[in-house]
C-alpha cells in the first residue's frame, strides 16, 4: 500500500457519492406541463424512467466506475484491518479513512500533551517504509 493510495480513500468516497447522485438523477423525468399531441394514434411521451440508449450506456459506465472505486476502497480497508501494529492502524483509520488532520489524530490517540501531528505522520511513514522493505526482500527470495 502506498501513501497515495491511502490519500485517495476520501476523494474516492466522495466520487462514489457523486456517481450515486448522477445515477439517481438520470432516472428523474422532466415533463412538460403542456400535453404532447398524439400523432397517428401514438403518443410521443416516453414512459417514466425509460432511459434512452445513450443514457442507459452512461448509467452502465457510472456503475462500472462505482464498482471499481468500491473495490479500491475495500482493498484499502482490508489492508488497514490486516495491520498488526494497533497504533499505526488507528492512525491510518483516523487520518486517511476518517479525514482528520495529523494534529486531530495525535490528540485523539495521545491526548493534548502530545498533540504533535508529526509523531503520527512519522509513525505511518516508518511503517510504510518497513513494509515496503519487507515486500522487496520477500520478492527477491
Protein backbone atom coordinates (compact mmCIF):
# COMPACT_ATOMS: atom_id res chain seq x y z
CA UNK A 1 0.00 0.00 0.00
CA UNK A 2 1.30 3.44 -0.83
CA UNK A 3 0.65 6.79 0.77
CA UNK A 4 -1.06 7.95 -2.45
CA UNK A 5 -3.48 5.03 -2.33
CA UNK A 6 -4.31 5.91 1.27
CA UNK A 7 -4.77 9.58 0.35
CA UNK A 8 -7.21 8.59 -2.40
CA UNK A 9 -9.64 6.99 0.09
CA UNK A 10 -11.72 10.07 0.95
CA UNK A 11 -11.79 11.51 -2.61
CA UNK A 12 -12.89 8.08 -3.85
CA UNK A 13 -15.62 8.03 -1.22
CA UNK A 14 -16.80 11.43 -2.47
CA UNK A 15 -16.69 10.21 -6.08
CA UNK A 16 -18.89 7.25 -5.16
CA UNK A 17 -21.46 9.62 -3.64
CA UNK A 18 -21.33 11.82 -6.75
CA UNK A 19 -21.78 8.80 -9.03
CA UNK A 20 -24.79 7.67 -6.99
CA UNK A 21 -26.30 11.14 -7.33
CA UNK A 22 -25.71 11.17 -11.08
CA UNK A 23 -27.26 7.72 -11.48
CA UNK A 24 -30.30 8.80 -9.44
CA UNK A 25 -30.62 11.99 -11.48
CA UNK A 26 -30.61 10.06 -14.73
CA UNK A 27 -33.87 8.37 -13.73
CA UNK A 28 -35.66 11.61 -12.88
CA UNK A 29 -38.01 12.53 -15.69
CA UNK A 30 -38.66 16.01 -16.86
CA UNK A 31 -42.07 16.55 -18.38
CA UNK A 32 -43.70 19.49 -19.99
CA UNK A 33 -46.83 20.91 -18.38
CA UNK A 34 -48.40 21.01 -21.85
CA UNK A 35 -49.67 17.63 -23.01
CA UNK A 36 -47.94 16.46 -26.15
CA UNK A 37 -50.04 15.84 -29.23
CA UNK A 38 -50.87 12.35 -30.30
CA UNK A 39 -49.67 11.64 -33.83
CA UNK A 40 -51.30 8.80 -35.77
CA UNK A 41 -52.75 7.30 -32.63
CA UNK A 42 -49.41 7.07 -30.81
CA UNK A 43 -48.19 9.22 -28.00
CA UNK A 44 -44.68 10.61 -28.24
CA UNK A 45 -44.37 10.66 -24.45
CA UNK A 46 -41.83 8.24 -23.07
CA UNK A 47 -42.75 6.10 -20.11
CA UNK A 48 -41.41 7.32 -16.77
CA UNK A 49 -37.90 6.06 -16.06
CA UNK A 50 -37.29 4.77 -19.59
CA UNK A 51 -33.78 5.98 -20.38
CA UNK A 52 -32.58 6.40 -23.92
CA UNK A 53 -29.81 4.17 -25.20
CA UNK A 54 -27.13 6.79 -24.53
CA UNK A 55 -28.45 7.45 -21.03
CA UNK A 56 -28.56 3.73 -20.33
CA UNK A 57 -24.98 3.39 -21.56
CA UNK A 58 -23.94 6.30 -19.33
CA UNK A 59 -25.57 4.68 -16.30
CA UNK A 60 -23.75 1.41 -17.01
CA UNK A 61 -20.43 3.27 -17.30
CA UNK A 62 -21.13 5.01 -13.98
CA UNK A 63 -21.95 1.69 -12.33
CA UNK A 64 -18.66 0.23 -13.57
CA UNK A 65 -16.74 3.25 -12.26
CA UNK A 66 -18.51 2.91 -8.92
CA UNK A 67 -17.72 -0.82 -8.72
CA UNK A 68 -14.04 -0.09 -9.44
CA UNK A 69 -13.91 2.60 -6.74
CA UNK A 70 -15.68 0.37 -4.22
CA UNK A 71 -13.16 -2.39 -4.95
CA UNK A 72 -10.29 0.05 -4.28
CA UNK A 73 -11.96 1.21 -1.05
CA UNK A 74 -12.44 -2.37 0.16
CA UNK A 75 -8.82 -3.22 -0.69
CA UNK A 76 -7.60 -0.30 1.44
CA UNK A 77 -9.93 -1.22 4.31
CA UNK A 78 -8.78 -4.86 4.23
CA UNK A 79 -5.15 -3.76 4.26
CA UNK A 80 -5.76 -1.48 7.25
CA UNK A 81 -7.55 -4.31 9.06
CA UNK A 82 -4.55 -6.57 8.47
CA UNK A 83 -2.08 -4.21 10.17
CA UNK A 84 -0.83 -5.83 13.35
CA UNK A 85 0.52 -2.60 14.87
CA UNK A 86 -2.63 -1.26 16.53
CA UNK A 87 -1.30 2.28 16.92
CA UNK A 88 -0.43 2.58 13.24
CA UNK A 89 -3.76 1.03 12.31
CA UNK A 90 -5.60 3.58 14.45
CA UNK A 91 -3.57 6.45 13.00
CA UNK A 92 -4.34 5.36 9.44
CA UNK A 93 -8.03 4.92 10.20
CA UNK A 94 -8.30 8.33 11.85
CA UNK A 95 -6.23 10.30 9.36
CA UNK A 96 -6.73 8.65 5.97
CA UNK A 97 -10.11 6.93 6.34
CA UNK A 98 -11.89 9.43 8.60
CA UNK A 99 -10.24 12.56 7.23
CA UNK A 100 -8.84 14.02 10.44
CA UNK A 101 -5.76 16.20 10.36
CA UNK A 102 -2.48 14.88 11.74
CA UNK A 103 -2.92 17.09 14.82
CA UNK A 104 -6.50 15.88 15.42
CA UNK A 105 -5.28 12.31 15.07
CA UNK A 106 -2.48 12.90 17.60
CA UNK A 107 -4.90 14.49 20.09
CA UNK A 108 -7.27 11.53 19.73
CA UNK A 109 -4.51 8.97 20.28
CA UNK A 110 -2.09 10.64 22.66
CA UNK A 111 -4.06 13.44 24.30
CA UNK A 112 -3.37 17.17 24.30
CA UNK A 113 0.03 16.86 25.94
CA UNK A 114 1.46 15.10 22.88
CA UNK A 115 -0.72 16.72 20.25
CA UNK A 116 2.07 16.99 17.69
CA UNK A 117 0.85 15.56 14.40
CA UNK A 118 4.43 14.84 13.33
CA UNK A 119 4.60 11.82 15.65
CA UNK A 120 1.62 10.22 13.91
CA UNK A 121 2.83 11.13 10.45
CA UNK A 122 6.28 9.70 11.12
CA UNK A 123 4.85 6.51 12.63
CA UNK A 124 2.92 5.87 9.42
CA UNK A 125 5.91 6.78 7.26
CA UNK A 126 8.19 4.39 9.17
CA UNK A 127 5.60 1.62 8.99
CA UNK A 128 5.15 2.01 5.23
CA UNK A 129 8.93 2.08 4.68
CA UNK A 130 9.33 -1.05 6.80
CA UNK A 131 6.51 -2.76 4.92
CA UNK A 132 7.93 -1.88 1.52
CA UNK A 133 11.34 -3.22 2.59
CA UNK A 134 9.77 -6.49 3.74
CA UNK A 135 7.88 -6.80 0.43
CA UNK A 136 11.10 -6.15 -1.53
CA UNK A 137 13.03 -8.77 0.44
CA UNK A 138 10.20 -11.29 0.03
CA UNK A 139 10.17 -10.73 -3.74
CA UNK A 140 13.91 -11.22 -4.02
CA UNK A 141 13.73 -14.62 -2.27
